[in-house]
Amino acid sequence: MHEAHLPPGVVLTRPVPEGAEGILTTEALAFVASLARRFEPQRRALLAARTTREAEFRAGALPGFLPETEGIRQGDWRIAGVPAPLADRRVEITGPAGDRKMVINALNSGASTFMADLEDALSPTWENVVQSQVNLYDATRGTISLATPEKSYRLNPRTAQLLVRPRGWHLVDKHVLVDGAPVSGSLLDFGLHFFHNAAHLASHGLGAYYYLPKMEGHREARLWNDVFLAAQAALGLPVGTVKATVLIETLLAAFEMDEILYELRDHIVGLNCGRWDYIFSAIKKLRFHPPFLLPDRAQVGMTVPFLRDYTLLTIRTCHRRGAYAIGGMAAQIPIRGDEAANAAALQKVRDDKLREVRNGHDGTWVAHPALVPVAMEVFEANLAGVHQLDVLREDVRVTAEDLLAVPSGTITMQGVRTNVDAGVRYLAAWLGGSGAVPLNHLMEDAATVEISRAQLWQWIRHPKGVLDDGRKVTLPLVRSVLAETLTGLRAVLGDEAYAKGHFALAGRIIAELTEDDAFAPFLTLRAYEEL
């Protein structure tokens, strides 16, 4: 876009990608800029409050239920309600919004809903961010298609309901400057989508539906609510055009679920148990709490007490307020060429989904279209309708101590190697523009890799970070594994592919994050400097 056509105070640091001229219009960017000018001070204040609270945890404080909001937790109130297009949430599929083929396949997958992701599953290159908006615009109107030499992709007559996950409050987009500062990734992603699609959706009896990530408490939910009110007013749309589901994927948010629902009560329809980010958040917030040390990532399943109790509390809280409780991600992907291994993987998915539906969840997540029939079969066989709002789980009693309980298990050399390998290979792909990466028959995104690098950091520094063979996990040990991993990748790939694959840079970033005594709050903040 020529500078003369940009709104006052808005600068694009990269050219408008071809085909996106209708997305980055003067009017759309002016709308985003208006949101940024109005809400950026609040966003920064909330991030500063995170830093303050982090210092309190480092000094020995522990998370807990807030005494000042006890009246909300004890009060008799309910959310505004769930609209008909979101009544069926039994199986939800997720994937990066910037991959046009993936978007079409996900919408055609037979899932109830599709969460188009601009956050953990999307590497936020400028091209990916803008292409995501192009894909969402076309998908909203049912015109999205793709022709490749092998196949043409078009939407089926019946598709999954579309939801959009913008980036979290902690992320900015350096390619759009408003009054000289990078714009909030949250406001850019939400603002462009809402501006272009909300009125169209409303005219067809739908709403603008979102997933909200990474919140650490109800004040951050209040900011989203304020943004929704301002956006709806600016376009002349009624309150409730926006409907959102909040991911409970931070430890602190688990203590404020009632409060989050209350702040967003006119706009919220449910909470989701974002299990992988939740594990990462627990490590991050409790890394200085001496008892809290997690074993190998593979040993931290959803049946361990602190994760089981968090999901049960989510169900009880949601159903008491008339909101849906959505279960977590099945990260497995099909294992081609090995029928026995594939059958075992699918059985893990069935067992996971059966546990969720029996606990009272109204829906669940999968990462691959092949898992949709598996999860749907389990939920259809165990639900009388399309939700379980009548399952109140009044038997559930979860204390602060329950949410902070430490799971048993061991730290193994294989666990160290797996964490290093996943960190390097995922980050290399992310730096190359891919945010959802199949590794070891699992679909990895930023959340799962955050667990890996956080575990390495804590194991090195925790007195009980000891392998099952008696060796202490040390920085030299991790450096050695990292060097072996990089050498092995170079040997397998060859020098040219290794260099093009960003592996050396990925290894350097993993080393920096592991060696620095100051724990980086998010892996992607450091990696984004390289995009």
Protein backbone atom coordinates (compact mmCIF):
# COMPACT_ATOMS: atom_id res chain seq x y z
CA MET A 1 0.00 0.00 0.00
CA HIS A 2 1.29 3.44 -0.92
CA GLU A 3 1.97 5.60 2.13
CA ALA A 4 -0.56 8.17 0.91
CA HIS A 5 -3.31 5.57 1.39
CA LEU A 6 -2.33 4.60 4.93
CA PRO A 7 -4.31 6.08 7.82
CA PRO A 8 -2.48 8.84 9.75
CA GLY A 9 0.03 7.35 12.18
CA VAL A 10 0.02 3.86 10.60
CA VAL A 11 3.14 2.44 8.96
CA LEU A 12 3.64 -0.95 7.30
CA THR A 13 7.22 -2.13 7.52
CA ARG A 14 6.69 -4.70 4.74
CA PRO A 15 4.83 -4.48 1.43
CA VAL A 16 1.26 -5.68 1.18
CA PRO A 17 1.43 -9.30 -0.05
CA GLU A 18 -0.06 -9.94 -3.46
CA GLY A 19 -3.75 -10.75 -3.22
CA ALA A 20 -4.18 -9.06 0.17
CA GLU A 21 -4.98 -5.56 -1.05
CA GLY A 22 -8.60 -6.02 -0.03
CA ILE A 23 -7.59 -6.93 3.53
CA LEU A 24 -5.12 -4.16 4.37
CA THR A 25 -7.40 -1.35 3.28
CA THR A 26 -7.23 2.17 4.62
CA GLU A 27 -10.50 1.66 6.49
CA ALA A 28 -9.50 -1.67 8.02
CA LEU A 29 -6.14 -0.33 9.22
CA ALA A 30 -7.84 2.77 10.62
CA PHE A 31 -10.17 0.47 12.59
CA VAL A 32 -7.21 -1.48 13.98
CA ALA A 33 -5.40 1.77 14.82
CA SER A 34 -8.44 3.04 16.71
CA LEU A 35 -8.46 -0.10 18.85
CA ALA A 36 -4.71 0.17 19.44
CA ARG A 37 -4.87 3.82 20.52
CA ARG A 38 -7.74 3.16 22.89
CA PHE A 39 -6.58 -0.08 24.49
CA GLU A 40 -2.78 -0.20 24.25
CA PRO A 41 -2.29 1.55 27.64
CA GLN A 42 -4.45 -1.09 29.33
CA ARG A 43 -2.63 -3.91 27.56
CA ARG A 44 0.74 -2.62 28.73
CA ALA A 45 -0.51 -2.14 32.27
CA LEU A 46 -1.74 -5.74 32.38
CA LEU A 47 1.60 -7.05 31.12
CA ALA A 48 3.35 -4.97 33.80
CA ALA A 49 1.03 -6.56 36.38
CA ARG A 50 2.17 -9.98 35.14
CA THR A 51 5.77 -8.97 35.82
CA THR A 52 4.89 -7.78 39.33
CA ARG A 53 3.12 -11.01 40.10
CA GLU A 54 6.04 -13.01 38.72
CA ALA A 55 8.32 -11.29 41.24
CA GLU A 56 5.93 -12.28 44.03
CA PHE A 57 6.10 -15.93 42.99
CA ARG A 58 9.88 -15.77 42.85
CA ALA A 59 9.82 -14.46 46.42
CA GLY A 60 7.80 -17.49 47.56
CA ALA A 61 4.14 -16.56 47.03
CA LEU A 62 1.80 -19.17 45.59
CA PRO A 63 -1.28 -18.75 43.40
CA GLY A 64 -4.67 -18.97 45.06
CA PHE A 65 -8.32 -18.04 44.76
CA LEU A 66 -8.77 -14.27 45.08
CA PRO A 67 -10.47 -13.18 48.32
CA GLU A 68 -11.66 -9.91 46.75
CA THR A 69 -13.76 -11.78 44.15
CA GLU A 70 -15.34 -14.35 46.45
CA GLY A 71 -18.72 -12.68 45.90
CA ILE A 72 -18.52 -13.49 42.18
CA ARG A 73 -17.59 -17.11 42.87
CA GLN A 74 -20.45 -17.51 45.35
CA GLY A 75 -23.00 -15.47 43.38
CA ASP A 76 -25.97 -16.87 41.49
CA TRP A 77 -25.52 -15.67 37.91
CA ARG A 78 -25.21 -17.16 34.43
CA ILE A 79 -23.71 -16.14 31.10
CA ALA A 80 -25.95 -14.62 28.41
CA GLY A 81 -26.26 -17.94 26.60
CA VAL A 82 -24.95 -20.05 23.74
CA PRO A 83 -26.25 -19.25 20.23
CA ALA A 84 -27.60 -22.06 18.05
CA PRO A 85 -24.61 -22.10 15.65
CA LEU A 86 -22.37 -22.99 18.61
CA ALA A 87 -24.72 -25.49 20.24
CA ASP A 88 -22.73 -28.48 18.94
CA ARG A 89 -19.10 -28.38 20.04
CA ARG A 90 -18.57 -32.12 20.37
CA VAL A 91 -15.44 -32.36 18.21
CA GLU A 92 -13.32 -29.35 17.36
CA ILE A 93 -10.35 -29.40 15.02
CA THR A 94 -7.57 -26.84 15.01
CA GLY A 95 -4.89 -25.75 12.59
CA PRO A 96 -2.98 -22.73 11.29
CA ALA A 97 -5.19 -20.13 9.61
CA GLY A 98 -2.44 -19.28 7.12
CA ASP A 99 -2.35 -22.68 5.41
CA ARG A 100 -5.13 -22.54 2.80
CA LYS A 101 -5.25 -26.29 2.18
CA MET A 102 -5.38 -27.03 5.89
CA VAL A 103 -8.21 -24.54 6.36
CA ILE A 104 -10.28 -26.19 3.62
CA ASN A 105 -9.55 -29.71 4.88
CA ALA A 106 -10.41 -28.74 8.46
CA LEU A 107 -13.70 -27.15 7.43
CA ASN A 108 -14.50 -30.30 5.44
CA SER A 109 -13.32 -32.70 8.17
CA GLY A 110 -16.71 -33.50 9.68
CA ALA A 111 -15.79 -31.74 12.93
CA SER A 112 -18.39 -29.62 14.70
CA THR A 113 -16.16 -26.56 14.65
CA PHE A 114 -12.79 -25.48 13.30
CA MET A 115 -10.54 -23.13 15.24
CA ALA A 116 -8.44 -21.25 12.70
CA ASP A 117 -5.29 -20.45 14.64
CA LEU A 118 -3.21 -17.28 14.40
CA GLU A 119 -1.36 -18.11 17.61
CA ASP A 120 0.48 -21.27 18.71
CA ALA A 121 0.06 -23.16 15.42
CA LEU A 122 1.03 -20.21 13.20
CA SER A 123 4.52 -18.90 12.64
CA PRO A 124 3.75 -15.13 12.53
CA THR A 125 5.64 -14.19 9.40
CA TRP A 126 4.06 -11.19 7.68
CA GLU A 127 2.96 -13.39 4.81
CA ASN A 128 1.35 -15.95 7.16
CA VAL A 129 -0.48 -13.31 9.19
CA VAL A 130 -1.94 -11.58 6.13
CA GLN A 131 -2.70 -14.81 4.27
CA SER A 132 -4.62 -15.95 7.36
CA GLN A 133 -6.93 -12.98 6.98
CA VAL A 134 -7.39 -13.68 3.26
CA ASN A 135 -8.28 -17.29 4.08
CA LEU A 136 -10.71 -16.26 6.81
CA TYR A 137 -12.40 -13.74 4.52
CA ASP A 138 -12.90 -16.35 1.81
CA ALA A 139 -13.92 -19.09 4.25
CA THR A 140 -16.52 -16.82 5.83
CA ARG A 141 -18.13 -16.36 2.41
CA GLY A 142 -17.78 -19.99 1.39
CA THR A 143 -15.56 -19.14 -1.57
CA ILE A 144 -12.23 -20.48 -0.33
CA SER A 145 -10.60 -22.87 -2.81
CA LEU A 146 -7.16 -24.03 -3.90
CA ALA A 147 -5.88 -25.64 -7.07
CA THR A 148 -2.62 -27.63 -6.96
CA PRO A 149 -1.05 -29.83 -9.64
CA GLU A 150 -2.31 -32.87 -7.73
CA LYS A 151 -5.77 -31.82 -6.61
CA SER A 152 -8.38 -29.07 -6.39
CA TYR A 153 -9.73 -28.19 -2.96
CA ARG A 154 -13.20 -26.73 -2.39
CA LEU A 155 -15.66 -26.59 0.48
CA ASN A 156 -18.26 -29.30 0.97
CA PRO A 157 -21.92 -28.28 1.20
CA ARG A 158 -21.73 -28.79 4.97
CA THR A 159 -18.72 -27.48 6.87
CA ALA A 160 -17.52 -27.01 10.42
CA GLN A 161 -18.45 -23.79 12.22
CA LEU A 162 -15.50 -21.37 12.03
CA LEU A 163 -13.85 -19.84 15.10
CA VAL A 164 -10.71 -17.69 15.10
CA ARG A 165 -7.90 -17.58 17.66
CA PRO A 166 -6.01 -14.28 17.62
CA ARG A 167 -2.61 -13.93 19.24
CA GLY A 168 -2.31 -13.47 23.00
CA TRP A 169 -1.93 -10.14 24.80
CA HIS A 170 1.84 -10.61 25.17
CA LEU A 171 2.53 -10.64 21.42
CA VAL A 172 2.98 -7.74 19.02
CA ASP A 173 3.26 -7.52 15.26
CA LYS A 174 6.34 -5.57 14.22
CA HIS A 175 5.11 -5.21 10.65
CA VAL A 176 2.33 -2.77 11.58
CA LEU A 177 3.27 0.35 13.53
CA VAL A 178 0.68 2.62 15.13
CA ASP A 179 2.11 5.96 16.20
CA GLY A 180 5.60 4.46 16.02
CA ALA A 181 4.96 1.36 18.14
CA PRO A 182 4.33 -2.23 17.02
CA VAL A 183 0.64 -3.04 17.17
CA SER A 184 -0.74 -5.66 19.53
CA GLY A 185 -0.99 -8.99 17.73
CA SER A 186 -4.31 -9.56 19.50
CA LEU A 187 -5.81 -6.32 18.23
CA LEU A 188 -4.45 -6.74 14.71
CA ASP A 189 -5.75 -10.29 14.32
CA PHE A 190 -9.12 -9.59 15.93
CA GLY A 191 -9.51 -6.16 14.35
CA LEU A 192 -8.91 -7.22 10.75
CA HIS A 193 -11.15 -10.27 11.06
CA PHE A 194 -13.96 -8.42 12.82
CA PHE A 195 -13.88 -5.43 10.48
CA HIS A 196 -14.12 -7.53 7.35
CA ASN A 197 -16.41 -10.34 8.49
CA ALA A 198 -18.61 -9.46 11.47
CA ALA A 199 -21.34 -7.62 9.57
CA HIS A 200 -21.43 -10.31 6.88
CA LEU A 201 -21.77 -13.02 9.53
CA ALA A 202 -24.49 -11.11 11.37
CA SER A 203 -26.47 -10.71 8.14
CA HIS A 204 -26.52 -14.50 7.83
CA GLY A 205 -27.72 -15.14 11.37
CA LEU A 206 -24.25 -15.89 12.72
CA GLY A 207 -21.82 -14.11 15.00
CA ALA A 208 -18.10 -13.43 15.03
CA TYR A 209 -16.72 -16.36 17.04
CA TYR A 210 -13.32 -16.35 18.75
CA TYR A 211 -11.00 -18.36 20.96
CA LEU A 212 -9.03 -16.22 23.44
CA PRO A 213 -5.59 -17.53 24.51
CA LYS A 214 -3.03 -17.11 27.27
CA MET A 215 -4.98 -14.96 29.70
CA GLU A 216 -3.72 -14.96 33.28
CA GLY A 217 -6.80 -13.58 35.00
CA HIS A 218 -10.12 -11.77 34.90
CA ARG A 219 -8.66 -8.30 34.36
CA GLU A 220 -7.26 -9.50 31.04
CA ALA A 221 -10.71 -10.88 30.23
CA ARG A 222 -12.19 -7.49 31.07
CA LEU A 223 -9.92 -5.89 28.49
CA TRP A 224 -11.17 -8.28 25.83
CA ASN A 225 -14.74 -7.46 26.84
CA ASP A 226 -14.02 -3.75 26.48
CA VAL A 227 -12.52 -4.39 23.03
CA PHE A 228 -15.61 -6.33 21.98
CA LEU A 229 -17.95 -3.58 23.14
CA ALA A 230 -15.94 -0.92 21.31
CA ALA A 231 -15.71 -2.96 18.11
CA GLN A 232 -19.41 -3.76 18.03
CA ALA A 233 -20.32 -0.13 18.69
CA ALA A 234 -17.97 1.13 15.98
CA LEU A 235 -19.62 -1.04 13.33
CA GLY A 236 -23.15 -0.58 14.63
CA LEU A 237 -23.55 -4.23 15.64
CA PRO A 238 -25.44 -5.35 18.74
CA VAL A 239 -23.76 -6.53 21.92
CA GLY A 240 -23.38 -10.30 21.66
CA THR A 241 -22.43 -10.34 17.98
CA VAL A 242 -19.08 -11.51 19.36
CA LYS A 243 -19.07 -14.83 21.13
CA ALA A 244 -15.85 -16.14 22.62
CA THR A 245 -14.44 -19.25 24.22
CA VAL A 246 -11.55 -18.72 26.62
CA LEU A 247 -8.68 -21.16 26.83
CA ILE A 248 -7.84 -21.94 30.44
CA GLU A 249 -4.22 -22.61 29.63
CA THR A 250 -2.43 -20.74 32.38
CA LEU A 251 -2.19 -21.79 36.00
CA LEU A 252 -3.38 -18.39 37.22
CA ALA A 253 -6.51 -18.45 35.04
CA ALA A 254 -7.52 -21.74 36.68
CA PHE A 255 -7.99 -19.83 39.93
CA GLU A 256 -10.17 -17.20 38.23
CA MET A 257 -12.53 -19.16 35.98
CA ASP A 258 -15.70 -17.79 37.57
CA GLU A 259 -14.32 -14.28 37.34
CA ILE A 260 -13.35 -14.69 33.66
CA LEU A 261 -16.83 -15.95 32.81
CA TYR A 262 -18.35 -13.04 34.72
CA GLU A 263 -16.27 -10.35 33.00
CA LEU A 264 -17.21 -11.74 29.58
CA ARG A 265 -20.73 -12.87 30.48
CA ASP A 266 -22.39 -11.08 27.52
CA HIS A 267 -19.84 -12.46 25.06
CA ILE A 268 -18.65 -15.82 26.35
CA VAL A 269 -19.93 -19.31 25.58
CA GLY A 270 -17.40 -21.56 27.26
CA LEU A 271 -13.96 -22.44 28.55
CA ASN A 272 -11.45 -24.84 27.03
CA CYS A 273 -8.85 -26.91 28.86
CA GLY A 274 -5.67 -25.98 26.98
CA ARG A 275 -3.69 -28.78 28.52
CA TRP A 276 -0.24 -28.32 26.96
CA ASP A 277 0.04 -24.60 27.67
CA TYR A 278 -1.33 -25.28 31.14
CA ILE A 279 1.53 -27.66 31.90
CA PHE A 280 4.02 -25.10 30.61
CA SER A 281 2.41 -22.38 32.69
CA ALA A 282 2.60 -24.51 35.83
CA ILE A 283 6.33 -25.03 35.32
CA LYS A 284 6.84 -21.34 34.63
CA LYS A 285 4.91 -20.04 37.63
CA LEU A 286 6.09 -22.66 40.12
CA ARG A 287 9.68 -23.08 38.96
CA PHE A 288 11.00 -21.59 42.21
CA HIS A 289 8.56 -23.54 44.40
CA PRO A 290 10.81 -26.33 45.74
CA PRO A 291 8.28 -29.20 45.70
CA PHE A 292 7.11 -28.57 42.13
CA LEU A 293 9.24 -30.55 39.70
CA LEU A 294 7.64 -32.40 36.81
CA PRO A 295 8.94 -35.72 35.47
CA ASP A 296 9.41 -36.45 31.75
CA ARG A 297 6.82 -34.76 29.59
CA ALA A 298 5.57 -38.16 28.38
CA GLN A 299 4.67 -39.08 31.97
CA VAL A 300 2.50 -35.98 32.57
CA GLY A 301 -0.86 -37.16 31.25
CA MET A 302 -4.32 -35.86 32.01
CA THR A 303 -4.90 -38.44 34.75
CA VAL A 304 -2.23 -36.97 37.05
CA PRO A 305 -4.01 -35.28 39.97
CA PHE A 306 -3.24 -31.59 39.32
CA LEU A 307 -4.40 -31.86 35.70
CA ARG A 308 -7.41 -34.04 36.46
CA ASP A 309 -8.59 -31.62 39.14
CA TYR A 310 -8.17 -28.59 36.90
CA THR A 311 -10.35 -30.15 34.21
CA LEU A 312 -13.02 -31.22 36.71
CA LEU A 313 -13.09 -27.72 38.19
CA THR A 314 -13.51 -26.32 34.68
CA ILE A 315 -16.54 -28.54 34.06
CA ARG A 316 -18.17 -27.70 37.40
CA THR A 317 -17.57 -23.97 36.97
CA CYS A 318 -18.80 -23.82 33.38
CA HIS A 319 -21.96 -25.85 33.83
CA ARG A 320 -22.98 -23.89 36.91
CA ARG A 321 -22.90 -20.75 34.73
CA GLY A 322 -24.51 -22.22 31.61
CA ALA A 323 -21.23 -22.33 29.68
CA TYR A 324 -19.65 -25.17 27.72
CA ALA A 325 -16.55 -26.99 29.00
CA ILE A 326 -14.38 -28.12 26.10
CA GLY A 327 -11.74 -30.79 26.62
CA GLY A 328 -8.13 -30.84 25.49
CA MET A 329 -6.11 -31.63 22.42
CA ALA A 330 -5.39 -35.09 21.08
CA ALA A 331 -2.04 -34.41 19.44
CA GLN A 332 -1.70 -37.82 17.79
CA ILE A 333 -1.55 -38.04 14.01
CA PRO A 334 -1.90 -41.16 11.81
CA ILE A 335 1.11 -43.46 11.69
CA ARG A 336 1.33 -44.62 8.12
CA GLY A 337 2.96 -47.94 7.31
CA ASP A 338 2.68 -49.39 10.81
CA GLU A 339 -0.82 -50.73 11.50
CA ALA A 340 -0.06 -51.84 15.04
CA ALA A 341 1.44 -48.49 16.05
CA ASN A 342 -1.42 -46.63 14.39
CA ALA A 343 -4.01 -48.74 16.19
CA ALA A 344 -2.28 -48.08 19.50
CA ALA A 345 -2.27 -44.33 18.84
CA LEU A 346 -5.98 -44.32 17.96
CA GLN A 347 -6.75 -46.27 21.11
CA LYS A 348 -4.99 -43.59 23.15
CA VAL A 349 -7.25 -41.03 21.53
CA ARG A 350 -10.37 -43.09 22.30
CA ASP A 351 -9.35 -43.54 25.93
CA ASP A 352 -8.63 -39.83 26.31
CA LYS A 353 -11.94 -38.79 24.78
CA LEU A 354 -13.90 -41.36 26.76
CA ARG A 355 -12.42 -39.98 29.98
CA GLU A 356 -13.39 -36.46 28.94
CA VAL A 357 -16.98 -37.23 27.99
CA ARG A 358 -17.54 -39.30 31.13
CA ASN A 359 -16.15 -36.46 33.25
CA GLY A 360 -18.73 -34.12 31.75
CA HIS A 361 -17.01 -32.26 28.93
CA ASP A 362 -19.23 -30.93 26.16
CA GLY A 363 -16.62 -31.33 23.45
CA THR A 364 -13.00 -32.01 22.70
CA TRP A 365 -10.10 -31.11 20.40
CA VAL A 366 -8.20 -33.02 17.75
CA ALA A 367 -5.26 -31.95 15.59
CA HIS A 368 -5.83 -34.09 12.48
CA PRO A 369 -8.89 -34.80 10.30
CA ALA A 370 -8.34 -38.55 10.64
CA LEU A 371 -9.08 -38.28 14.36
CA VAL A 372 -12.43 -36.54 13.91
CA PRO A 373 -14.42 -39.78 13.36
CA VAL A 374 -12.67 -41.41 16.32
CA ALA A 375 -13.51 -38.60 18.73
CA MET A 376 -17.01 -38.10 17.30
CA GLU A 377 -17.84 -41.78 17.74
CA VAL A 378 -16.94 -41.59 21.44
CA PHE A 379 -18.95 -38.44 22.09
CA GLU A 380 -21.99 -39.57 20.09
CA ALA A 381 -22.06 -42.88 21.96
CA ASN A 382 -21.96 -41.19 25.36
CA LEU A 383 -24.13 -38.08 24.93
CA ALA A 384 -27.91 -38.00 24.78
CA GLY A 385 -27.76 -34.63 22.99
CA VAL A 386 -25.04 -32.25 21.88
CA HIS A 387 -23.88 -31.04 25.30
CA GLN A 388 -23.84 -31.95 29.01
CA LEU A 389 -24.82 -28.66 30.66
CA ASP A 390 -27.06 -30.64 33.00
CA VAL A 391 -24.04 -32.51 34.39
CA LEU A 392 -23.28 -30.07 37.22
CA ARG A 393 -20.54 -32.11 38.93
CA GLU A 394 -21.55 -30.83 42.36
CA ASP A 395 -19.47 -33.71 43.74
CA VAL A 396 -16.28 -31.95 42.63
CA ARG A 397 -14.37 -30.11 45.35
CA VAL A 398 -11.03 -28.69 44.23
CA THR A 399 -8.76 -26.70 46.54
CA ALA A 400 -5.78 -24.50 45.79
CA GLU A 401 -3.58 -27.27 47.12
CA ASP A 402 -5.09 -29.70 44.62
CA LEU A 403 -4.21 -27.40 41.71
CA LEU A 404 -0.61 -27.17 42.96
CA ALA A 405 -0.09 -30.88 43.66
CA VAL A 406 3.11 -32.42 42.32
CA PRO A 407 2.84 -35.52 40.11
CA SER A 408 5.12 -38.48 40.67
CA GLY A 409 7.45 -39.84 38.02
CA THR A 410 11.04 -39.91 36.84
CA ILE A 411 13.40 -37.82 34.75
CA THR A 412 15.18 -39.92 32.17
CA MET A 413 17.96 -39.43 29.65
CA GLN A 414 15.41 -40.17 26.95
CA GLY A 415 13.29 -37.35 28.34
CA VAL A 416 16.22 -34.94 28.04
CA ARG A 417 16.92 -36.05 24.47
CA THR A 418 13.24 -35.80 23.50
CA ASN A 419 12.99 -32.27 24.89
CA VAL A 420 16.10 -31.11 23.06
CA ASP A 421 15.11 -32.79 19.80
CA ALA A 422 11.55 -31.42 19.88
CA GLY A 423 12.79 -27.95 20.75
CA VAL A 424 15.31 -27.79 17.91
CA ARG A 425 13.19 -29.37 15.20
CA TYR A 426 10.02 -27.44 16.02
CA LEU A 427 11.79 -24.11 16.33
CA ALA A 428 13.65 -24.66 13.06
CA ALA A 429 10.34 -25.22 11.30
CA TRP A 430 8.80 -22.18 13.04
CA LEU A 431 11.67 -19.99 11.85
CA GLY A 432 10.99 -21.31 8.36
CA GLY A 433 7.33 -20.30 8.54
CA SER A 434 5.62 -23.48 9.80
CA GLY A 435 3.95 -23.35 13.21
CA ALA A 436 2.28 -26.79 13.28
CA VAL A 437 4.89 -29.51 12.86
CA PRO A 438 4.48 -33.33 12.90
CA LEU A 439 7.22 -34.82 15.08
CA ASN A 440 7.36 -38.39 16.37
CA HIS A 441 3.75 -39.02 15.34
CA LEU A 442 2.49 -36.00 17.30
CA MET A 443 1.43 -32.59 16.03
CA GLU A 444 3.68 -30.18 17.86
CA ASP A 445 2.97 -26.49 18.23
CA ALA A 446 4.49 -23.75 20.34
CA ALA A 447 2.70 -24.96 23.48
CA THR A 448 4.18 -28.45 23.49
CA VAL A 449 7.69 -27.18 22.77
CA GLU A 450 7.39 -24.62 25.56
CA ILE A 451 7.05 -27.58 27.94
CA SER A 452 10.25 -29.11 26.58
CA ARG A 453 12.45 -26.05 26.95
CA ALA A 454 10.93 -25.11 30.35
CA GLN A 455 11.62 -28.59 31.70
CA LEU A 456 15.26 -28.41 30.61
CA TRP A 457 15.64 -25.02 32.29
CA GLN A 458 14.13 -26.22 35.57
CA TRP A 459 15.81 -29.61 35.67
CA ILE A 460 19.21 -27.93 35.41
CA ARG A 461 18.53 -25.56 38.30
CA HIS A 462 16.44 -27.71 40.63
CA PRO A 463 18.32 -29.73 43.28
CA LYS A 464 16.10 -32.73 42.53
CA GLY A 465 16.60 -32.48 38.78
CA VAL A 466 18.27 -35.90 38.79
CA LEU A 467 18.04 -38.66 36.19
CA ASP A 468 16.74 -42.07 37.14
CA ASP A 469 20.32 -43.34 36.78
CA GLY A 470 21.51 -40.96 39.51
CA ARG A 471 23.14 -38.30 37.34
CA LYS A 472 22.27 -34.65 37.87
CA VAL A 473 20.83 -32.81 34.87
CA THR A 474 23.40 -30.10 34.23
CA LEU A 475 24.05 -27.43 31.66
CA PRO A 476 27.06 -29.36 30.23
CA LEU A 477 24.86 -32.45 29.88
CA VAL A 478 22.18 -30.53 27.97
CA ARG A 479 24.83 -28.80 25.83
CA SER A 480 26.23 -32.21 24.94
CA VAL A 481 22.80 -33.54 23.95
CA LEU A 482 22.15 -30.40 21.91
CA ALA A 483 25.44 -30.79 20.05
CA GLU A 484 24.70 -34.46 19.35
CA THR A 485 21.22 -33.56 18.10
CA LEU A 486 22.50 -30.91 15.69
CA THR A 487 25.28 -33.20 14.45
CA GLY A 488 22.80 -35.98 13.85
CA LEU A 489 20.43 -33.71 11.92
CA ARG A 490 23.26 -32.48 9.72
CA ALA A 491 24.35 -36.04 9.00
CA VAL A 492 20.84 -37.14 8.04
CA LEU A 493 19.84 -34.04 6.06
CA GLY A 494 23.13 -33.06 4.45
CA ASP A 495 24.86 -29.69 4.70
CA GLU A 496 22.63 -27.81 2.27
CA ALA A 497 19.28 -28.90 3.72
CA TYR A 498 20.62 -28.41 7.23
CA ALA A 499 21.60 -24.82 6.47
CA LYS A 500 18.33 -24.01 4.73
CA GLY A 501 16.37 -25.57 7.58
CA HIS A 502 17.39 -22.99 10.22
CA PHE A 503 18.66 -25.74 12.53
CA ALA A 504 21.81 -23.92 13.64
CA LEU A 505 19.80 -20.82 14.58
CA ALA A 506 17.21 -22.94 16.35
CA GLY A 507 19.94 -24.67 18.33
CA ARG A 508 21.46 -21.33 19.27
CA ILE A 509 18.12 -20.04 20.56
CA ILE A 510 17.45 -23.21 22.56
CA ALA A 511 20.93 -22.90 24.05
CA GLU A 512 20.35 -19.25 24.98
CA LEU A 513 17.02 -19.99 26.63
CA THR A 514 18.48 -22.91 28.57
CA GLU A 515 21.64 -21.14 29.70
CA ASP A 516 20.10 -17.82 30.73
CA ASP A 517 19.22 -17.74 34.43
CA ALA A 518 16.45 -15.28 33.61
CA PHE A 519 13.62 -17.51 32.41
CA ALA A 520 12.17 -16.19 29.14
CA PRO A 521 8.38 -15.94 29.55
CA PHE A 522 7.75 -17.23 26.03
CA LEU A 523 9.98 -19.01 23.54
CA THR A 524 8.28 -17.18 20.67
CA LEU A 525 9.20 -13.75 22.00
CA ARG A 526 12.88 -14.53 21.49
CA ALA A 527 12.35 -16.37 18.21
CA TYR A 528 10.19 -13.57 16.78
CA GLU A 529 13.26 -11.33 16.70
CA GLU A 530 14.56 -13.57 13.90
CA LEU A 531 11.48 -13.47 11.67
